[in-house]
Amino acid sequence: MRTIVLSLLLSLATLCLLVGCSKQKRQVVMTSAVRVAKDKKTMETWIRYRETHGAQNQFEVKAAERDGRLFIVEPGTRALVLGDAGTINGARLLRVGLLDGPNAGAEGVCFAAQTASP
């Protein structure tokens, strides 16, 4: 019986290694007041607005802020890196899950350059 239990535990441990169960998510801290968007498209809208200050882009940004698709996270907010979210104009985006602050529990994308290891 003991051999069967040990064999099962070894099999489960091997399976976890194969599918990545043991991977721990990296924790980061926001280094400044950071814009977090629910998706890459919303972040692209924010970048276009910053670059052009066009009326249409401003309208889209305000709508995203009202809907909660775009919000500001305070410096020092902790987050888990959930994965890579691509790039915008050569700048790398991270998909993060916020751990504290008023938006704790929310997920979104932010620029990797605005984060640091705790």
PDB file of N, CA and C in Angstrom:
ATOM      1  N   MET A   1       0.827  -1.196   0.000  1.00  0.00           N
ATOM      2  CA  MET A   1       0.000   0.000   0.000  1.00  0.00           C
ATOM      3  C   MET A   1       0.873   1.263   0.000  1.00  0.00           C
ATOM      4  N   ARG A   2       1.910   1.235   0.821  1.00  0.00           N
ATOM      5  CA  ARG A   2       2.803   2.381   0.931  1.00  0.00           C
ATOM      6  C   ARG A   2       3.480   2.664  -0.416  1.00  0.00           C
ATOM      7  N   THR A   3       3.871   1.628  -1.119  1.00  0.00           N
ATOM      8  CA  THR A   3       4.514   1.761  -2.420  1.00  0.00           C
ATOM      9  C   THR A   3       3.562   2.384  -3.435  1.00  0.00           C
ATOM     10  N   ILE A   4       2.300   2.003  -3.382  1.00  0.00           N
ATOM     11  CA  ILE A   4       1.299   2.555  -4.309  1.00  0.00           C
ATOM     12  C   ILE A   4       1.117   4.045  -4.056  1.00  0.00           C
ATOM     13  N   VAL A   5       1.024   4.450  -2.794  1.00  0.00           N
ATOM     14  CA  VAL A   5       0.848   5.864  -2.440  1.00  0.00           C
ATOM     15  C   VAL A   5       2.061   6.673  -2.892  1.00  0.00           C
ATOM     16  N   LEU A   6       3.262   6.175  -2.626  1.00  0.00           N
ATOM     17  CA  LEU A   6       4.473   6.881  -3.046  1.00  0.00           C
ATOM     18  C   LEU A   6       4.552   6.976  -4.564  1.00  0.00           C
ATOM     19  N   SER A   7       4.149   5.926  -5.246  1.00  0.00           N
ATOM     20  CA  SER A   7       4.148   5.932  -6.708  1.00  0.00           C
ATOM     21  C   SER A   7       3.161   6.974  -7.248  1.00  0.00           C
ATOM     22  N   LEU A   8       1.980   7.060  -6.634  1.00  0.00           N
ATOM     23  CA  LEU A   8       0.984   8.060  -7.039  1.00  0.00           C
ATOM     24  C   LEU A   8       1.497   9.479  -6.810  1.00  0.00           C
ATOM     25  N   LEU A   9       2.115   9.715  -5.663  1.00  0.00           N
ATOM     26  CA  LEU A   9       2.654  11.040  -5.370  1.00  0.00           C
ATOM     27  C   LEU A   9       3.746  11.434  -6.357  1.00  0.00           C
ATOM     28  N   LEU A  10       4.606  10.487  -6.685  1.00  0.00           N
ATOM     29  CA  LEU A  10       5.658  10.745  -7.661  1.00  0.00           C
ATOM     30  C   LEU A  10       5.066  11.047  -9.033  1.00  0.00           C
ATOM     31  N   SER A  11       4.041  10.310  -9.414  1.00  0.00           N
ATOM     32  CA  SER A  11       3.368  10.550 -10.698  1.00  0.00           C
ATOM     33  C   SER A  11       2.729  11.931 -10.736  1.00  0.00           C
ATOM     34  N   LEU A  12       2.072  12.329  -9.648  1.00  0.00           N
ATOM     35  CA  LEU A  12       1.454  13.659  -9.580  1.00  0.00           C
ATOM     36  C   LEU A  12       2.498  14.760  -9.646  1.00  0.00           C
ATOM     37  N   ALA A  13       3.610  14.574  -8.954  1.00  0.00           N
ATOM     38  CA  ALA A  13       4.674  15.580  -8.989  1.00  0.00           C
ATOM     39  C   ALA A  13       5.242  15.716 -10.396  1.00  0.00           C
ATOM     40  N   THR A  14       5.433  14.598 -11.072  1.00  0.00           N
ATOM     41  CA  THR A  14       5.939  14.628 -12.452  1.00  0.00           C
ATOM     42  C   THR A  14       4.948  15.334 -13.369  1.00  0.00           C
ATOM     43  N   LEU A  15       3.677  15.034 -13.223  1.00  0.00           N
ATOM     44  CA  LEU A  15       2.647  15.676 -14.031  1.00  0.00           C
ATOM     45  C   LEU A  15       2.635  17.176 -13.805  1.00  0.00           C
ATOM     46  N   CYS A  16       2.759  17.594 -12.554  1.00  0.00           N
ATOM     47  CA  CYS A  16       2.786  19.032 -12.241  1.00  0.00           C
ATOM     48  C   CYS A  16       3.967  19.712 -12.919  1.00  0.00           C
ATOM     49  N   LEU A  17       5.107  19.071 -12.916  1.00  0.00           N
ATOM     50  CA  LEU A  17       6.277  19.649 -13.575  1.00  0.00           C
ATOM     51  C   LEU A  17       6.056  19.774 -15.073  1.00  0.00           C
ATOM     52  N   LEU A  18       5.399  18.798 -15.666  1.00  0.00           N
ATOM     53  CA  LEU A  18       5.165  18.820 -17.106  1.00  0.00           C
ATOM     54  C   LEU A  18       4.193  19.906 -17.519  1.00  0.00           C
ATOM     55  N   VAL A  19       3.145  20.144 -16.720  1.00  0.00           N
ATOM     56  CA  VAL A  19       2.134  21.133 -17.103  1.00  0.00           C
ATOM     57  C   VAL A  19       2.348  22.484 -16.437  1.00  0.00           C
ATOM     58  N   GLY A  20       3.365  22.609 -15.606  1.00  0.00           N
ATOM     59  CA  GLY A  20       3.694  23.904 -15.036  1.00  0.00           C
ATOM     60  C   GLY A  20       2.979  24.244 -13.747  1.00  0.00           C
ATOM     61  N   CYS A  21       2.522  23.266 -12.994  1.00  0.00           N
ATOM     62  CA  CYS A  21       1.833  23.538 -11.731  1.00  0.00           C
ATOM     63  C   CYS A  21       2.733  24.251 -10.732  1.00  0.00           C
ATOM     64  N   SER A  22       4.025  24.008 -10.827  1.00  0.00           N
ATOM     65  CA  SER A  22       4.929  24.571  -9.834  1.00  0.00           C
ATOM     66  C   SER A  22       5.380  25.992 -10.183  1.00  0.00           C
ATOM     67  N   LYS A  23       4.975  26.494 -11.335  1.00  0.00           N
ATOM     68  CA  LYS A  23       5.383  27.849 -11.721  1.00  0.00           C
ATOM     69  C   LYS A  23       4.761  28.868 -10.784  1.00  0.00           C
ATOM     70  N   GLN A  24       5.581  29.688 -10.188  1.00  0.00           N
ATOM     71  CA  GLN A  24       5.070  30.757  -9.360  1.00  0.00           C
ATOM     72  C   GLN A  24       5.027  32.024 -10.193  1.00  0.00           C
ATOM     73  N   LYS A  25       3.992  32.794 -10.009  1.00  0.00           N
ATOM     74  CA  LYS A  25       3.870  34.051 -10.726  1.00  0.00           C
ATOM     75  C   LYS A  25       4.793  35.072 -10.067  1.00  0.00           C
ATOM     76  N   ARG A  26       5.422  35.890 -10.903  1.00  0.00           N
ATOM     77  CA  ARG A  26       6.348  36.912 -10.421  1.00  0.00           C
ATOM     78  C   ARG A  26       5.545  38.097  -9.887  1.00  0.00           C
ATOM     79  N   GLN A  27       5.959  38.609  -8.759  1.00  0.00           N
ATOM     80  CA  GLN A  27       5.298  39.775  -8.179  1.00  0.00           C
ATOM     81  C   GLN A  27       6.075  41.033  -8.550  1.00  0.00           C
ATOM     82  N   VAL A  28       5.354  42.106  -8.870  1.00  0.00           N
ATOM     83  CA  VAL A  28       5.968  43.391  -9.195  1.00  0.00           C
ATOM     84  C   VAL A  28       5.295  44.494  -8.388  1.00  0.00           C
ATOM     85  N   VAL A  29       5.943  45.650  -8.375  1.00  0.00           N
ATOM     86  CA  VAL A  29       5.413  46.849  -7.724  1.00  0.00           C
ATOM     87  C   VAL A  29       5.381  47.961  -8.762  1.00  0.00           C
ATOM     88  N   MET A  30       4.308  48.715  -8.800  1.00  0.00           N
ATOM     89  CA  MET A  30       4.209  49.845  -9.724  1.00  0.00           C
ATOM     90  C   MET A  30       5.138  50.954  -9.231  1.00  0.00           C
ATOM     91  N   THR A  31       5.981  51.467 -10.124  1.00  0.00           N
ATOM     92  CA  THR A  31       6.994  52.442  -9.729  1.00  0.00           C
ATOM     93  C   THR A  31       6.500  53.879  -9.770  1.00  0.00           C
ATOM     94  N   SER A  32       5.372  54.102 -10.397  1.00  0.00           N
ATOM     95  CA  SER A  32       4.797  55.447 -10.484  1.00  0.00           C
ATOM     96  C   SER A  32       3.292  55.279 -10.628  1.00  0.00           C
ATOM     97  N   ALA A  33       2.574  56.396 -10.762  1.00  0.00           N
ATOM     98  CA  ALA A  33       1.143  56.298 -11.064  1.00  0.00           C
ATOM     99  C   ALA A  33       1.034  55.704 -12.466  1.00  0.00           C
ATOM    100  N   VAL A  34       0.407  54.554 -12.580  1.00  0.00           N
ATOM    101  CA  VAL A  34       0.402  53.763 -13.805  1.00  0.00           C
ATOM    102  C   VAL A  34      -1.014  53.641 -14.354  1.00  0.00           C
ATOM    103  N   ARG A  35      -1.153  53.832 -15.650  1.00  0.00           N
ATOM    104  CA  ARG A  35      -2.424  53.545 -16.327  1.00  0.00           C
ATOM    105  C   ARG A  35      -2.495  52.044 -16.548  1.00  0.00           C
ATOM    106  N   VAL A  36      -3.596  51.453 -16.140  1.00  0.00           N
ATOM    107  CA  VAL A  36      -3.844  50.036 -16.384  1.00  0.00           C
ATOM    108  C   VAL A  36      -5.108  49.953 -17.227  1.00  0.00           C
ATOM    109  N   ALA A  37      -5.042  49.182 -18.305  1.00  0.00           N
ATOM    110  CA  ALA A  37      -6.182  49.000 -19.194  1.00  0.00           C
ATOM    111  C   ALA A  37      -6.633  47.550 -19.128  1.00  0.00           C
ATOM    112  N   LYS A  38      -7.908  47.332 -19.325  1.00  0.00           N
ATOM    113  CA  LYS A  38      -8.438  45.966 -19.292  1.00  0.00           C
ATOM    114  C   LYS A  38      -7.925  45.127 -20.459  1.00  0.00           C
ATOM    115  N   ASP A  39      -7.539  45.785 -21.561  1.00  0.00           N
ATOM    116  CA  ASP A  39      -7.052  45.045 -22.721  1.00  0.00           C
ATOM    117  C   ASP A  39      -6.085  45.909 -23.524  1.00  0.00           C
ATOM    118  N   LYS A  40      -5.393  45.275 -24.460  1.00  0.00           N
ATOM    119  CA  LYS A  40      -4.384  45.963 -25.263  1.00  0.00           C
ATOM    120  C   LYS A  40      -5.009  47.054 -26.133  1.00  0.00           C
ATOM    121  N   LYS A  41      -6.194  46.800 -26.655  1.00  0.00           N
ATOM    122  CA  LYS A  41      -6.861  47.787 -27.518  1.00  0.00           C
ATOM    123  C   LYS A  41      -7.127  49.089 -26.755  1.00  0.00           C
ATOM    124  N   THR A  42      -7.569  48.988 -25.523  1.00  0.00           N
ATOM    125  CA  THR A  42      -7.816  50.180 -24.706  1.00  0.00           C
ATOM    126  C   THR A  42      -6.504  50.912 -24.430  1.00  0.00           C
ATOM    127  N   MET A  43      -5.421  50.165 -24.184  1.00  0.00           N
ATOM    128  CA  MET A  43      -4.122  50.792 -23.950  1.00  0.00           C
ATOM    129  C   MET A  43      -3.656  51.508 -25.217  1.00  0.00           C
ATOM    130  N   GLU A  44      -3.898  50.921 -26.390  1.00  0.00           N
ATOM    131  CA  GLU A  44      -3.537  51.572 -27.649  1.00  0.00           C
ATOM    132  C   GLU A  44      -4.303  52.882 -27.825  1.00  0.00           C
ATOM    133  N   THR A  45      -5.568  52.900 -27.429  1.00  0.00           N
ATOM    134  CA  THR A  45      -6.367  54.130 -27.484  1.00  0.00           C
ATOM    135  C   THR A  45      -5.755  55.201 -26.592  1.00  0.00           C
ATOM    136  N   TRP A  46      -5.327  54.819 -25.390  1.00  0.00           N
ATOM    137  CA  TRP A  46      -4.695  55.764 -24.457  1.00  0.00           C
ATOM    138  C   TRP A  46      -3.410  56.340 -25.059  1.00  0.00           C
ATOM    139  N   ILE A  47      -2.611  55.478 -25.689  1.00  0.00           N
ATOM    140  CA  ILE A  47      -1.355  55.935 -26.296  1.00  0.00           C
ATOM    141  C   ILE A  47      -1.646  56.897 -27.447  1.00  0.00           C
ATOM    142  N   ARG A  48      -2.620  56.570 -28.292  1.00  0.00           N
ATOM    143  CA  ARG A  48      -2.978  57.477 -29.395  1.00  0.00           C
ATOM    144  C   ARG A  48      -3.414  58.837 -28.851  1.00  0.00           C
ATOM    145  N   TYR A  49      -4.186  58.829 -27.771  1.00  0.00           N
ATOM    146  CA  TYR A  49      -4.629  60.098 -27.173  1.00  0.00           C
ATOM    147  C   TYR A  49      -3.428  60.889 -26.662  1.00  0.00           C
ATOM    148  N   ARG A  50      -2.499  60.232 -25.987  1.00  0.00           N
ATOM    149  CA  ARG A  50      -1.304  60.927 -25.478  1.00  0.00           C
ATOM    150  C   ARG A  50      -0.487  61.540 -26.597  1.00  0.00           C
ATOM    151  N   GLU A  51      -0.432  60.848 -27.733  1.00  0.00           N
ATOM    152  CA  GLU A  51       0.384  61.331 -28.849  1.00  0.00           C
ATOM    153  C   GLU A  51      -0.289  62.437 -29.645  1.00  0.00           C
ATOM    154  N   THR A  52      -1.611  62.377 -29.809  1.00  0.00           N
ATOM    155  CA  THR A  52      -2.301  63.312 -30.709  1.00  0.00           C
ATOM    156  C   THR A  52      -3.214  64.308 -30.011  1.00  0.00           C
ATOM    157  N   HIS A  53      -3.713  63.958 -28.848  1.00  0.00           N
ATOM    158  CA  HIS A  53      -4.709  64.763 -28.126  1.00  0.00           C
ATOM    159  C   HIS A  53      -5.937  65.053 -28.991  1.00  0.00           C
ATOM    160  N   GLY A  54      -6.236  64.135 -29.920  1.00  0.00           N
ATOM    161  CA  GLY A  54      -7.388  64.282 -30.798  1.00  0.00           C
ATOM    162  C   GLY A  54      -8.705  64.133 -30.046  1.00  0.00           C
ATOM    163  N   ALA A  55      -9.727  64.799 -30.529  1.00  0.00           N
ATOM    164  CA  ALA A  55     -11.036  64.792 -29.881  1.00  0.00           C
ATOM    165  C   ALA A  55     -11.644  63.394 -29.842  1.00  0.00           C
ATOM    166  N   GLN A  56     -11.535  62.650 -30.936  1.00  0.00           N
ATOM    167  CA  GLN A  56     -12.097  61.292 -30.972  1.00  0.00           C
ATOM    168  C   GLN A  56     -11.399  60.385 -29.967  1.00  0.00           C
ATOM    169  N   ASN A  57     -10.067  60.482 -29.898  1.00  0.00           N
ATOM    170  CA  ASN A  57      -9.316  59.672 -28.934  1.00  0.00           C
ATOM    171  C   ASN A  57      -9.667  60.073 -27.508  1.00  0.00           C
ATOM    172  N   GLN A  58      -9.855  61.374 -27.265  1.00  0.00           N
ATOM    173  CA  GLN A  58     -10.230  61.837 -25.934  1.00  0.00           C
ATOM    174  C   GLN A  58     -11.592  61.262 -25.542  1.00  0.00           C
ATOM    175  N   PHE A  59     -12.526  61.266 -26.482  1.00  0.00           N
ATOM    176  CA  PHE A  59     -13.850  60.707 -26.225  1.00  0.00           C
ATOM    177  C   PHE A  59     -13.743  59.225 -25.855  1.00  0.00           C
ATOM    178  N   GLU A  60     -12.933  58.473 -26.600  1.00  0.00           N
ATOM    179  CA  GLU A  60     -12.763  57.049 -26.342  1.00  0.00           C
ATOM    180  C   GLU A  60     -12.096  56.792 -24.990  1.00  0.00           C
ATOM    181  N   VAL A  61     -11.111  57.610 -24.631  1.00  0.00           N
ATOM    182  CA  VAL A  61     -10.430  57.462 -23.341  1.00  0.00           C
ATOM    183  C   VAL A  61     -11.393  57.756 -22.194  1.00  0.00           C
ATOM    184  N   LYS A  62     -12.156  58.828 -22.306  1.00  0.00           N
ATOM    185  CA  LYS A  62     -13.127  59.173 -21.247  1.00  0.00           C
ATOM    186  C   LYS A  62     -14.162  58.064 -21.085  1.00  0.00           C
ATOM    187  N   ALA A  63     -14.621  57.497 -22.208  1.00  0.00           N
ATOM    188  CA  ALA A  63     -15.586  56.396 -22.145  1.00  0.00           C
ATOM    189  C   ALA A  63     -14.964  55.179 -21.462  1.00  0.00           C
ATOM    190  N   ALA A  64     -13.699  54.882 -21.771  1.00  0.00           N
ATOM    191  CA  ALA A  64     -13.004  53.751 -21.152  1.00  0.00           C
ATOM    192  C   ALA A  64     -12.834  53.974 -19.648  1.00  0.00           C
ATOM    193  N   GLU A  65     -12.550  55.208 -19.239  1.00  0.00           N
ATOM    194  CA  GLU A  65     -12.429  55.513 -17.806  1.00  0.00           C
ATOM    195  C   GLU A  65     -13.769  55.352 -17.100  1.00  0.00           C
ATOM    196  N   ARG A  66     -14.843  55.835 -17.735  1.00  0.00           N
ATOM    197  CA  ARG A  66     -16.180  55.694 -17.136  1.00  0.00           C
ATOM    198  C   ARG A  66     -16.580  54.229 -17.000  1.00  0.00           C
ATOM    199  N   ASP A  67     -16.255  53.424 -18.016  1.00  0.00           N
ATOM    200  CA  ASP A  67     -16.626  51.999 -18.023  1.00  0.00           C
ATOM    201  C   ASP A  67     -15.728  51.151 -17.138  1.00  0.00           C
ATOM    202  N   GLY A  68     -14.631  51.724 -16.632  1.00  0.00           N
ATOM    203  CA  GLY A  68     -13.695  50.959 -15.817  1.00  0.00           C
ATOM    204  C   GLY A  68     -12.698  50.153 -16.624  1.00  0.00           C
ATOM    205  N   ARG A  69     -12.607  50.406 -17.937  1.00  0.00           N
ATOM    206  CA  ARG A  69     -11.636  49.698 -18.780  1.00  0.00           C
ATOM    207  C   ARG A  69     -10.260  50.333 -18.724  1.00  0.00           C
ATOM    208  N   LEU A  70     -10.161  51.538 -18.166  1.00  0.00           N
ATOM    209  CA  LEU A  70      -8.892  52.253 -18.036  1.00  0.00           C
ATOM    210  C   LEU A  70      -8.905  52.973 -16.692  1.00  0.00           C
ATOM    211  N   PHE A  71      -7.871  52.741 -15.886  1.00  0.00           N
ATOM    212  CA  PHE A  71      -7.825  53.373 -14.568  1.00  0.00           C
ATOM    213  C   PHE A  71      -6.380  53.588 -14.157  1.00  0.00           C
ATOM    214  N   ILE A  72      -6.198  54.407 -13.139  1.00  0.00           N
ATOM    215  CA  ILE A  72      -4.861  54.727 -12.626  1.00  0.00           C
ATOM    216  C   ILE A  72      -4.610  53.928 -11.354  1.00  0.00           C
ATOM    217  N   VAL A  73      -3.410  53.358 -11.271  1.00  0.00           N
ATOM    218  CA  VAL A  73      -2.976  52.619 -10.092  1.00  0.00           C
ATOM    219  C   VAL A  73      -1.863  53.429  -9.440  1.00  0.00           C
ATOM    220  N   GLU A  74      -1.943  53.585  -8.147  1.00  0.00           N
ATOM    221  CA  GLU A  74      -0.980  54.405  -7.399  1.00  0.00           C
ATOM    222  C   GLU A  74       0.395  53.738  -7.299  1.00  0.00           C
ATOM    223  N   PRO A  75       1.448  54.544  -7.143  1.00  0.00           N
ATOM    224  CA  PRO A  75       2.791  53.976  -6.941  1.00  0.00           C
ATOM    225  C   PRO A  75       2.804  53.068  -5.713  1.00  0.00           C
ATOM    226  N   GLY A  76       3.550  51.987  -5.816  1.00  0.00           N
ATOM    227  CA  GLY A  76       3.651  51.052  -4.694  1.00  0.00           C
ATOM    228  C   GLY A  76       2.616  49.937  -4.730  1.00  0.00           C
ATOM    229  N   THR A  77       1.666  50.009  -5.645  1.00  0.00           N
ATOM    230  CA  THR A  77       0.658  48.948  -5.757  1.00  0.00           C
ATOM    231  C   THR A  77       1.340  47.660  -6.193  1.00  0.00           C
ATOM    232  N   ARG A  78       1.023  46.566  -5.513  1.00  0.00           N
ATOM    233  CA  ARG A  78       1.609  45.274  -5.847  1.00  0.00           C
ATOM    234  C   ARG A  78       0.725  44.541  -6.852  1.00  0.00           C
ATOM    235  N   ALA A  79       1.362  43.761  -7.728  1.00  0.00           N
ATOM    236  CA  ALA A  79       0.630  42.997  -8.734  1.00  0.00           C
ATOM    237  C   ALA A  79       1.364  41.708  -9.059  1.00  0.00           C
ATOM    238  N   LEU A  80       0.621  40.720  -9.508  1.00  0.00           N
ATOM    239  CA  LEU A  80       1.200  39.481 -10.010  1.00  0.00           C
ATOM    240  C   LEU A  80       1.256  39.556 -11.525  1.00  0.00           C
ATOM    241  N   VAL A  81       2.378  39.161 -12.094  1.00  0.00           N
ATOM    242  CA  VAL A  81       2.496  39.107 -13.553  1.00  0.00           C
ATOM    243  C   VAL A  81       1.830  37.815 -14.009  1.00  0.00           C
ATOM    244  N   LEU A  82       0.759  37.966 -14.785  1.00  0.00           N
ATOM    245  CA  LEU A  82       0.014  36.819 -15.278  1.00  0.00           C
ATOM    246  C   LEU A  82       0.516  36.349 -16.637  1.00  0.00           C
ATOM    247  N   GLY A  83       1.244  37.231 -17.316  1.00  0.00           N
ATOM    248  CA  GLY A  83       1.792  36.858 -18.614  1.00  0.00           C
ATOM    249  C   GLY A  83       2.196  38.069 -19.423  1.00  0.00           C
ATOM    250  N   ASP A  84       2.689  37.799 -20.603  1.00  0.00           N
ATOM    251  CA  ASP A  84       3.087  38.847 -21.529  1.00  0.00           C
ATOM    252  C   ASP A  84       1.864  39.275 -22.329  1.00  0.00           C
ATOM    253  N   ALA A  85       1.739  40.563 -22.624  1.00  0.00           N
ATOM    254  CA  ALA A  85       0.582  41.062 -23.375  1.00  0.00           C
ATOM    255  C   ALA A  85       0.992  41.699 -24.696  1.00  0.00           C
ATOM    256  N   GLY A  86       2.209  41.415 -25.159  1.00  0.00           N
ATOM    257  CA  GLY A  86       2.651  41.962 -26.440  1.00  0.00           C
ATOM    258  C   GLY A  86       3.381  43.276 -26.278  1.00  0.00           C
ATOM    259  N   THR A  87       3.405  44.051 -27.361  1.00  0.00           N
ATOM    260  CA  THR A  87       4.085  45.343 -27.342  1.00  0.00           C
ATOM    261  C   THR A  87       3.226  46.401 -28.022  1.00  0.00           C
ATOM    262  N   ILE A  88       3.495  47.651 -27.674  1.00  0.00           N
ATOM    263  CA  ILE A  88       2.926  48.809 -28.355  1.00  0.00           C
ATOM    264  C   ILE A  88       4.093  49.743 -28.632  1.00  0.00           C
ATOM    265  N   ASN A  89       4.307  50.071 -29.893  1.00  0.00           N
ATOM    266  CA  ASN A  89       5.425  50.940 -30.303  1.00  0.00           C
ATOM    267  C   ASN A  89       6.753  50.474 -29.719  1.00  0.00           C
ATOM    268  N   GLY A  90       6.947  49.167 -29.633  1.00  0.00           N
ATOM    269  CA  GLY A  90       8.198  48.609 -29.133  1.00  0.00           C
ATOM    270  C   GLY A  90       8.283  48.495 -27.621  1.00  0.00           C
ATOM    271  N   ALA A  91       7.298  49.000 -26.888  1.00  0.00           N
ATOM    272  CA  ALA A  91       7.304  48.910 -25.427  1.00  0.00           C
ATOM    273  C   ALA A  91       6.522  47.660 -25.002  1.00  0.00           C
ATOM    274  N   ARG A  92       7.120  46.873 -24.113  1.00  0.00           N
ATOM    275  CA  ARG A  92       6.520  45.608 -23.683  1.00  0.00           C
ATOM    276  C   ARG A  92       5.387  45.836 -22.688  1.00  0.00           C
ATOM    277  N   LEU A  93       4.293  45.099 -22.895  1.00  0.00           N
ATOM    278  CA  LEU A  93       3.147  45.129 -21.986  1.00  0.00           C
ATOM    279  C   LEU A  93       3.112  43.853 -21.156  1.00  0.00           C
ATOM    280  N   LEU A  94       2.657  43.980 -19.916  1.00  0.00           N
ATOM    281  CA  LEU A  94       2.445  42.833 -19.044  1.00  0.00           C
ATOM    282  C   LEU A  94       0.971  42.722 -18.710  1.00  0.00           C
ATOM    283  N   ARG A  95       0.460  41.503 -18.637  1.00  0.00           N
ATOM    284  CA  ARG A  95      -0.878  41.265 -18.092  1.00  0.00           C
ATOM    285  C   ARG A  95      -0.668  41.034 -16.605  1.00  0.00           C
ATOM    286  N   VAL A  96      -1.338  41.839 -15.773  1.00  0.00           N
ATOM    287  CA  VAL A  96      -1.137  41.769 -14.331  1.00  0.00           C
ATOM    288  C   VAL A  96      -2.467  41.601 -13.601  1.00  0.00           C
ATOM    289  N   GLY A  97      -2.361  41.040 -12.413  1.00  0.00           N
ATOM    290  CA  GLY A  97      -3.478  40.957 -11.483  1.00  0.00           C
ATOM    291  C   GLY A  97      -3.117  41.798 -10.277  1.00  0.00           C
ATOM    292  N   LEU A  98      -3.915  42.813  -9.987  1.00  0.00           N
ATOM    293  CA  LEU A  98      -3.603  43.737  -8.889  1.00  0.00           C
ATOM    294  C   LEU A  98      -3.913  43.095  -7.545  1.00  0.00           C
ATOM    295  N   LEU A  99      -2.993  43.272  -6.595  1.00  0.00           N
ATOM    296  CA  LEU A  99      -3.108  42.626  -5.294  1.00  0.00           C
ATOM    297  C   LEU A  99      -3.620  43.544  -4.195  1.00  0.00           C
ATOM    298  N   ASP A 100      -3.430  44.852  -4.350  1.00  0.00           N
ATOM    299  CA  ASP A 100      -3.893  45.759  -3.301  1.00  0.00           C
ATOM    300  C   ASP A 100      -4.365  47.073  -3.900  1.00  0.00           C
ATOM    301  N   GLY A 101      -4.794  47.973  -3.041  1.00  0.00           N
ATOM    302  CA  GLY A 101      -5.316  49.253  -3.506  1.00  0.00           C
ATOM    303  C   GLY A 101      -6.795  49.148  -3.866  1.00  0.00           C
ATOM    304  N   PRO A 102      -7.386  50.252  -4.322  1.00  0.00           N
ATOM    305  CA  PRO A 102      -8.817  50.276  -4.623  1.00  0.00           C
ATOM    306  C   PRO A 102      -9.229  49.325  -5.748  1.00  0.00           C
ATOM    307  N   ASN A 103      -8.282  48.944  -6.608  1.00  0.00           N
ATOM    308  CA  ASN A 103      -8.589  48.041  -7.720  1.00  0.00           C
ATOM    309  C   ASN A 103      -8.106  46.614  -7.475  1.00  0.00           C
ATOM    310  N   ALA A 104      -7.894  46.239  -6.215  1.00  0.00           N
ATOM    311  CA  ALA A 104      -7.418  44.897  -5.891  1.00  0.00           C
ATOM    312  C   ALA A 104      -8.348  43.859  -6.505  1.00  0.00           C
ATOM    313  N   GLY A 105      -7.738  42.849  -7.112  1.00  0.00           N
ATOM    314  CA  GLY A 105      -8.507  41.794  -7.753  1.00  0.00           C
ATOM    315  C   GLY A 105      -8.730  42.012  -9.239  1.00  0.00           C
ATOM    316  N   ALA A 106      -8.514  43.246  -9.701  1.00  0.00           N
ATOM    317  CA  ALA A 106      -8.696  43.542 -11.124  1.00  0.00           C
ATOM    318  C   ALA A 106      -7.507  43.030 -11.919  1.00  0.00           C
ATOM    319  N   GLU A 107      -7.759  42.676 -13.168  1.00  0.00           N
ATOM    320  CA  GLU A 107      -6.702  42.282 -14.089  1.00  0.00           C
ATOM    321  C   GLU A 107      -6.651  43.288 -15.224  1.00  0.00           C
ATOM    322  N   GLY A 108      -5.452  43.486 -15.758  1.00  0.00           N
ATOM    323  CA  GLY A 108      -5.309  44.402 -16.875  1.00  0.00           C
ATOM    324  C   GLY A 108      -3.907  44.365 -17.436  1.00  0.00           C
ATOM    325  N   VAL A 109      -3.641  45.286 -18.362  1.00  0.00           N
ATOM    326  CA  VAL A 109      -2.321  45.388 -18.961  1.00  0.00           C
ATOM    327  C   VAL A 109      -1.684  46.716 -18.587  1.00  0.00           C
ATOM    328  N   CYS A 110      -0.364  46.686 -18.413  1.00  0.00           N
ATOM    329  CA  CYS A 110       0.389  47.907 -18.138  1.00  0.00           C
ATOM    330  C   CYS A 110       1.755  47.765 -18.796  1.00  0.00           C
ATOM    331  N   PHE A 111       2.502  48.849 -18.856  1.00  0.00           N
ATOM    332  CA  PHE A 111       3.825  48.805 -19.450  1.00  0.00           C
ATOM    333  C   PHE A 111       4.819  48.218 -18.450  1.00  0.00           C
ATOM    334  N   ALA A 112       5.633  47.277 -18.924  1.00  0.00           N
ATOM    335  CA  ALA A 112       6.615  46.605 -18.070  1.00  0.00           C
ATOM    336  C   ALA A 112       7.594  47.606 -17.481  1.00  0.00           C
ATOM    337  N   ALA A 113       7.914  48.664 -18.217  1.00  0.00           N
ATOM    338  CA  ALA A 113       8.886  49.650 -17.749  1.00  0.00           C
ATOM    339  C   ALA A 113       8.395  50.404 -16.511  1.00  0.00           C
ATOM    340  N   GLN A 114       7.105  50.329 -16.210  1.00  0.00           N
ATOM    341  CA  GLN A 114       6.561  51.035 -15.046  1.00  0.00           C
ATOM    342  C   GLN A 114       6.436  50.118 -13.832  1.00  0.00           C
ATOM    343  N   THR A 115       7.105  48.964 -13.893  1.00  0.00           N
ATOM    344  CA  THR A 115       7.074  48.030 -12.779  1.00  0.00           C
ATOM    345  C   THR A 115       8.492  47.692 -12.344  1.00  0.00           C
ATOM    346  N   ALA A 116       8.610  47.192 -11.122  1.00  0.00           N
ATOM    347  CA  ALA A 116       9.901  46.753 -10.599  1.00  0.00           C
ATOM    348  C   ALA A 116       9.663  45.580  -9.662  1.00  0.00           C
ATOM    349  N   SER A 117      10.700  44.791  -9.430  1.00  0.00           N
ATOM    350  CA  SER A 117      10.611  43.705  -8.460  1.00  0.00           C
ATOM    351  C   SER A 117      10.557  44.318  -7.080  1.00  0.00           C
ATOM    352  N   PRO A 118       9.744  43.722  -6.183  1.00  0.00           N
ATOM    353  CA  PRO A 118       9.636  44.285  -4.819  1.00  0.00           C
ATOM    354  C   PRO A 118      10.915  44.122  -4.024  1.00  0.00           C
TER     355      PRO A 118
END
